[in-house]
Amino acid sequence: MATSSPRHVNRKRDGEVMIALLGVTGAGKSTFASIASGKQLEIGHGVKPYPLSVKFELDGRTVILIDTPGFDDDQRSDVQILEAIFKWMTRKGLLKNQLLDGLIFLHPVTLNRVGGAEQRRTRLFEKILGPKAYKRVIIATTMWDDLKYEEVVRSRLNGRSGEGGVWHELCSKGAVMRRHDNNIESAHKIIREVIATSDRYGKVKSLLESELARNQGRVGKTSAGKELKARLKEDIRLLRSQYDDLLRDPPPEPPRTHGGRHERKDEKWEAWSQWKDDMRGLDKMIQTKEFELEKVDTMVVSKKNTAAEPSENLWRPR
């Protein structure tokens, strides 16, 4: 199924081409890989199985498309996302000199709003890659068939890549946007562009890999780790401020019964009970953030765990 015209053949390099697919759930990663290869992606066997990889031939080259952890998973914290990325990198050998040729970031044009989670995860993605690797990223827009107002969508995409947009940093330093039309010709055109860039500049060496090597595997010393720590410290500061505000202004305590328990018959008790719940909730969130901050600061990627199948716990304390 993966055929091509001779004019596309690039004979400069041999060997396998590894390309990572990124994107939110529903962006079309599995569809892109299936269209490009004519195959279904290999399915993992974890608690929540997800597509892992597919291999096929294109222009005489062996191409491997590999899925990545979900950057849009709101059920996981940013620290858990970073941990998932490390496990993925280790499983795919990306911490053992088996480097990527490029990254295809799939984005559905039907997704209008830029949420806080997307902004945070995009910043984390940038810190993992580093500016020198941005030119190895293709943002492939998908779901064009579902549109009614194409000009409106083009304006939104320009806003994402323009000054102040969520993709501005990436696109201003080499990342490009390409339209994927949900067919094999479009998919292969995007993949060929990744291959041509890799043939020109070599394999992708992420900033994260370089920083881990320089800092004896200490995650807290990397740009991604510092980004997370700064964000966690700000979250803790805001949560503590909310906690202190509540502590300074408690509602009137409801009267107690002869047994020492609070009366549960009026609005005073409901206000008091809600205040107590809010205080406990904030305290729990502060403790969680502090735990995550300590975790990032003490994480070390152990060389013994940079095998093809990492242990369940990738981290070890310093």
Protein backbone atom coordinates (compact mmCIF):
# COMPACT_ATOMS: atom_id res chain seq x y z
CA MET A 1 0.00 0.00 0.00
CA ALA A 2 2.91 2.34 0.73
CA THR A 3 4.06 3.05 -2.85
CA SER A 4 5.69 6.15 -4.23
CA SER A 5 7.08 7.83 -7.29
CA PRO A 6 10.89 7.51 -7.85
CA ARG A 7 11.32 11.28 -7.62
CA HIS A 8 10.55 11.10 -3.89
CA VAL A 9 13.26 8.58 -3.08
CA ASN A 10 15.94 9.88 -0.74
CA ARG A 11 19.05 7.70 -0.92
CA LYS A 12 21.20 9.77 1.40
CA ARG A 13 20.68 7.54 4.43
CA ASP A 14 19.76 3.96 5.15
CA GLY A 15 18.32 2.29 8.23
CA GLU A 16 15.11 2.69 10.16
CA VAL A 17 13.28 5.98 10.48
CA MET A 18 11.64 6.54 13.88
CA ILE A 19 8.89 9.16 14.12
CA ALA A 20 6.90 9.96 17.26
CA LEU A 21 3.20 10.77 16.99
CA LEU A 22 1.79 13.21 19.54
CA GLY A 23 -1.60 14.78 20.04
CA VAL A 24 -4.71 14.95 22.16
CA THR A 25 -7.18 12.09 22.33
CA GLY A 26 -9.20 12.14 19.13
CA ALA A 27 -6.55 14.00 17.12
CA GLY A 28 -6.25 11.04 14.73
CA LYS A 29 -2.90 9.50 15.69
CA SER A 30 -4.06 5.92 15.14
CA THR A 31 -5.87 6.89 11.94
CA PHE A 32 -2.79 8.68 10.60
CA ALA A 33 -0.58 5.66 11.31
CA SER A 34 -3.08 3.24 9.78
CA ILE A 35 -3.49 5.31 6.63
CA ALA A 36 0.27 5.78 6.21
CA SER A 37 1.12 2.12 6.75
CA GLY A 38 -1.97 0.23 5.69
CA LYS A 39 -1.81 -1.53 9.08
CA GLN A 40 -3.35 -1.30 12.52
CA LEU A 41 -1.03 -0.13 15.29
CA GLU A 42 0.34 -2.70 17.72
CA ILE A 43 -1.67 -2.61 20.93
CA GLY A 44 -0.05 -2.53 24.35
CA HIS A 45 -1.15 -4.73 27.26
CA GLY A 46 -1.16 -2.39 30.24
CA VAL A 47 -4.06 -1.50 32.50
CA LYS A 48 -5.21 0.98 29.85
CA PRO A 49 -3.98 -0.44 26.50
CA TYR A 50 -2.96 2.12 23.91
CA PRO A 51 -1.39 1.94 20.43
CA LEU A 52 2.38 1.63 20.52
CA SER A 53 3.98 1.30 17.08
CA VAL A 54 3.65 0.31 13.43
CA LYS A 55 6.40 -0.46 10.92
CA PHE A 56 6.19 -0.17 7.12
CA GLU A 57 8.27 0.61 4.03
CA LEU A 58 8.26 3.97 2.27
CA ASP A 59 10.61 4.94 -0.56
CA GLY A 60 12.90 2.06 0.31
CA ARG A 61 13.15 3.14 3.95
CA THR A 62 11.75 1.32 6.98
CA VAL A 63 9.52 3.78 8.84
CA ILE A 64 8.38 3.21 12.44
CA LEU A 65 5.58 5.39 13.77
CA ILE A 66 5.37 5.28 17.56
CA ASP A 67 2.70 6.59 19.85
CA THR A 68 3.45 8.74 22.88
CA PRO A 69 1.84 9.18 26.31
CA GLY A 70 -1.25 11.38 26.30
CA PHE A 71 -0.35 15.01 26.93
CA ASP A 72 -4.06 15.76 27.29
CA ASP A 73 -4.81 13.33 30.13
CA ASP A 74 -6.52 15.51 32.74
CA GLN A 75 -6.67 12.55 35.12
CA ARG A 76 -2.90 12.66 35.56
CA SER A 77 -0.78 15.43 37.02
CA ASP A 78 2.07 17.05 35.08
CA VAL A 79 4.53 15.06 37.21
CA GLN A 80 2.79 11.81 36.25
CA ILE A 81 2.88 12.88 32.59
CA LEU A 82 6.63 13.50 32.82
CA GLU A 83 7.11 10.09 34.43
CA ALA A 84 5.09 8.47 31.62
CA ILE A 85 7.28 10.22 29.06
CA PHE A 86 10.44 8.85 30.69
CA LYS A 87 9.01 5.34 30.70
CA TRP A 88 8.07 5.72 27.06
CA MET A 89 11.53 7.04 26.16
CA THR A 90 13.16 4.13 27.97
CA ARG A 91 10.87 1.53 26.44
CA LYS A 92 11.64 2.88 22.96
CA GLY A 93 15.37 3.07 23.65
CA LEU A 94 15.45 6.86 23.39
CA LEU A 95 17.68 7.05 26.45
CA LYS A 96 20.07 4.51 24.92
CA ASN A 97 21.06 6.34 21.73
CA GLN A 98 18.15 5.08 19.64
CA LEU A 99 17.10 8.55 18.56
CA LEU A 100 14.03 9.88 16.79
CA ASP A 101 14.09 11.31 13.29
CA GLY A 102 11.25 13.68 14.01
CA LEU A 103 7.92 14.33 15.69
CA ILE A 104 4.47 14.75 14.18
CA PHE A 105 2.09 16.64 16.45
CA LEU A 106 -1.47 15.99 15.29
CA HIS A 107 -4.06 18.64 16.09
CA PRO A 108 -7.79 18.43 15.26
CA VAL A 109 -8.98 21.71 13.79
CA THR A 110 -12.34 21.05 15.43
CA LEU A 111 -10.68 21.81 18.78
CA ASN A 112 -11.29 25.53 19.18
CA ARG A 113 -10.36 26.50 22.71
CA VAL A 114 -6.84 26.63 24.16
CA GLY A 115 -7.26 25.39 27.72
CA GLY A 116 -4.92 25.75 30.66
CA ALA A 117 -3.93 22.08 30.47
CA GLU A 118 -2.91 22.43 26.81
CA GLN A 119 -0.83 25.52 27.57
CA ARG A 120 0.97 23.80 30.46
CA ARG A 121 1.64 20.60 28.54
CA THR A 122 2.88 22.54 25.49
CA ARG A 123 5.38 24.39 27.70
CA LEU A 124 6.49 21.06 29.14
CA PHE A 125 6.85 19.63 25.63
CA GLU A 126 9.03 22.61 24.67
CA LYS A 127 11.26 22.14 27.72
CA ILE A 128 11.69 18.45 26.93
CA LEU A 129 12.65 19.09 23.30
CA GLY A 130 14.64 22.30 23.56
CA PRO A 131 14.71 25.05 20.89
CA LYS A 132 17.30 23.28 18.72
CA ALA A 133 14.84 20.44 18.12
CA TYR A 134 11.81 22.57 17.26
CA LYS A 135 12.58 22.40 13.55
CA ARG A 136 12.08 18.63 13.82
CA VAL A 137 8.39 19.11 14.68
CA ILE A 138 5.55 19.11 12.17
CA ILE A 139 2.16 20.20 13.48
CA ALA A 140 -0.24 18.22 11.27
CA THR A 141 -3.78 19.58 11.40
CA THR A 142 -6.55 16.98 11.08
CA MET A 143 -10.36 16.67 10.87
CA TRP A 144 -10.73 19.13 8.00
CA ASP A 145 -13.62 17.06 6.62
CA ASP A 146 -15.72 18.00 9.66
CA LEU A 147 -15.52 21.75 9.04
CA LYS A 148 -18.12 24.19 7.78
CA TYR A 149 -16.16 27.45 8.06
CA GLU A 150 -12.61 26.88 6.85
CA GLU A 151 -11.56 30.53 6.95
CA VAL A 152 -12.53 30.82 10.61
CA VAL A 153 -10.40 27.78 11.42
CA ARG A 154 -7.43 29.11 9.47
CA SER A 155 -7.66 32.32 11.49
CA ARG A 156 -7.67 30.32 14.74
CA LEU A 157 -4.64 28.31 13.63
CA ASN A 158 -2.80 31.50 12.76
CA GLY A 159 -3.65 32.74 16.25
CA ARG A 160 -2.13 29.61 17.77
CA SER A 161 1.15 30.07 15.89
CA GLY A 162 1.23 33.87 16.04
CA GLU A 163 2.54 36.20 18.74
CA GLY A 164 1.18 35.12 22.10
CA GLY A 165 -0.25 31.89 20.71
CA VAL A 166 0.24 28.50 22.33
CA TRP A 167 2.46 27.34 19.43
CA HIS A 168 4.32 30.62 18.86
CA GLU A 169 7.53 29.50 20.54
CA LEU A 170 7.63 26.28 18.51
CA CYS A 171 6.74 27.85 15.15
CA SER A 172 9.00 30.88 15.56
CA LYS A 173 11.99 28.54 15.95
CA GLY A 174 11.43 26.06 13.18
CA ALA A 175 8.31 23.97 13.72
CA VAL A 176 5.94 24.02 10.73
CA MET A 177 2.20 23.49 10.26
CA ARG A 178 0.95 21.14 7.56
CA ARG A 179 -2.58 20.12 6.62
CA HIS A 180 -3.36 16.40 6.71
CA ASP A 181 -6.24 15.49 4.41
CA ASN A 182 -6.85 12.01 5.81
CA ASN A 183 -5.42 10.13 2.82
CA ILE A 184 -2.24 8.20 2.08
CA GLU A 185 -0.76 10.87 -0.19
CA SER A 186 -1.09 13.51 2.53
CA ALA A 187 0.33 11.24 5.25
CA HIS A 188 3.31 10.22 3.11
CA LYS A 189 4.03 13.83 2.15
CA ILE A 190 4.29 14.76 5.84
CA ILE A 191 6.46 11.73 6.63
CA ARG A 192 8.76 12.49 3.69
CA GLU A 193 9.25 16.00 5.04
CA VAL A 194 10.28 14.55 8.42
CA ILE A 195 12.72 12.18 6.71
CA ALA A 196 14.20 14.96 4.55
CA THR A 197 14.76 17.14 7.63
CA SER A 198 16.40 14.23 9.47
CA ASP A 199 18.63 13.46 6.49
CA ARG A 200 19.70 17.09 6.48
CA TYR A 201 20.22 17.68 10.20
CA GLY A 202 20.63 14.19 11.69
CA LYS A 203 18.66 12.47 14.42
CA VAL A 204 16.77 14.40 17.10
CA LYS A 205 18.71 14.97 20.30
CA SER A 206 16.32 16.40 22.87
CA LEU A 207 17.38 18.94 25.46
CA LEU A 208 16.11 16.57 28.15
CA GLU A 209 18.51 13.80 27.10
CA SER A 210 21.48 16.19 27.06
CA GLU A 211 20.60 17.69 30.44
CA LEU A 212 20.14 14.28 32.06
CA ALA A 213 23.58 13.26 30.82
CA ARG A 214 25.16 16.44 32.20
CA ASN A 215 23.40 16.19 35.57
CA GLN A 216 23.83 12.49 36.40
CA GLY A 217 20.19 11.77 35.61
CA ARG A 218 18.78 14.32 38.09
CA VAL A 219 15.41 15.38 36.70
CA GLY A 220 15.13 18.45 38.94
CA LYS A 221 18.20 19.94 37.23
CA THR A 222 16.69 19.73 33.72
CA SER A 223 14.68 22.50 32.06
CA ALA A 224 11.57 20.32 32.17
CA GLY A 225 12.13 19.63 35.86
CA LYS A 226 12.71 23.30 36.65
CA GLU A 227 9.54 24.22 34.74
CA LEU A 228 7.52 21.77 36.81
CA LYS A 229 9.09 22.86 40.09
CA ALA A 230 8.36 26.54 39.40
CA ARG A 231 4.77 25.70 38.52
CA LEU A 232 4.31 23.55 41.63
CA LYS A 233 5.76 26.25 43.88
CA GLU A 234 3.32 28.79 42.44
CA ASP A 235 0.41 26.35 42.89
CA ILE A 236 1.43 25.82 46.52
CA ARG A 237 1.69 29.58 47.10
CA LEU A 238 -1.83 30.17 45.73
CA LEU A 239 -3.32 27.26 47.68
CA ARG A 240 -1.71 28.43 50.92
CA SER A 241 -3.07 31.93 50.32
CA GLN A 242 -6.58 30.50 49.92
CA TYR A 243 -6.10 28.40 53.06
CA ASP A 244 -4.94 31.40 55.09
CA ASP A 245 -7.89 33.50 53.85
CA LEU A 246 -10.33 30.83 55.02
CA LEU A 247 -8.53 30.43 58.32
CA ARG A 248 -8.76 34.17 59.02
CA ASP A 249 -12.48 34.34 58.35
CA PRO A 250 -14.27 31.26 59.68
CA PRO A 251 -18.07 31.23 59.97
CA PRO A 252 -19.67 31.28 63.43
CA GLU A 253 -19.35 27.92 65.10
CA PRO A 254 -22.80 26.32 65.57
CA PRO A 255 -23.97 25.46 69.09
CA ARG A 256 -23.15 22.06 70.50
CA THR A 257 -25.47 19.49 72.03
CA HIS A 258 -25.04 18.18 75.58
CA GLY A 259 -22.98 15.36 74.05
CA GLY A 260 -20.49 17.85 72.61
CA ARG A 261 -21.60 17.46 68.99
CA HIS A 262 -22.62 20.33 66.76
CA GLU A 263 -26.28 20.90 66.06
CA ARG A 264 -27.22 19.90 62.51
CA LYS A 265 -30.47 21.77 62.16
CA ASP A 266 -29.73 25.20 60.71
CA GLU A 267 -27.75 27.22 58.16
CA LYS A 268 -24.98 27.92 60.68
CA TRP A 269 -24.08 24.24 60.80
CA GLU A 270 -24.14 23.96 56.98
CA ALA A 271 -21.81 26.96 56.63
CA TRP A 272 -19.49 25.59 59.32
CA SER A 273 -19.46 22.14 57.74
CA GLN A 274 -18.69 23.58 54.28
CA TRP A 275 -15.86 25.68 55.74
CA LYS A 276 -14.33 22.61 57.39
CA ASP A 277 -14.61 20.64 54.14
CA ASP A 278 -12.96 23.46 52.19
CA MET A 279 -10.11 23.65 54.70
CA ARG A 280 -9.51 19.89 54.53
CA GLY A 281 -9.65 19.95 50.72
CA LEU A 282 -7.09 22.75 50.45
CA ASP A 283 -4.82 21.08 52.99
CA LYS A 284 -4.93 17.84 51.00
CA MET A 285 -4.12 19.66 47.74
CA ILE A 286 -1.19 21.47 49.38
CA GLN A 287 0.20 18.17 50.67
CA THR A 288 -0.16 16.59 47.22
CA LYS A 289 1.66 19.48 45.52
CA GLU A 290 4.42 19.43 48.13
CA PHE A 291 4.85 15.69 47.63
CA GLU A 292 5.10 16.17 43.85
CA LEU A 293 7.62 19.00 44.29
CA GLU A 294 9.81 16.80 46.46
CA LYS A 295 9.45 13.95 43.97
CA VAL A 296 10.63 16.04 41.03
CA ASP A 297 13.51 17.43 43.07
CA THR A 298 14.74 13.97 44.07
CA MET A 299 14.03 12.03 40.86
CA VAL A 300 17.03 10.41 39.25
CA VAL A 301 16.85 8.41 36.03
CA SER A 302 18.84 5.30 36.84
CA LYS A 303 21.09 4.03 34.06
CA LYS A 304 20.23 0.48 35.00
CA ASN A 305 16.60 1.21 34.08
CA THR A 306 17.34 2.56 30.60
CA ALA A 307 16.64 -0.83 29.06
CA ALA A 308 14.03 -1.70 26.46
CA GLU A 309 11.63 -2.79 29.22
CA PRO A 310 12.04 -0.51 32.23
CA SER A 311 11.09 -1.50 35.74
CA GLU A 312 7.69 -0.38 37.00
CA ASN A 313 9.34 2.30 39.14
CA LEU A 314 11.65 4.29 36.90
CA TRP A 315 12.70 6.64 39.67
CA ARG A 316 15.10 6.03 42.50
CA PRO A 317 15.92 8.50 45.31
CA ARG A 318 19.22 10.32 45.19
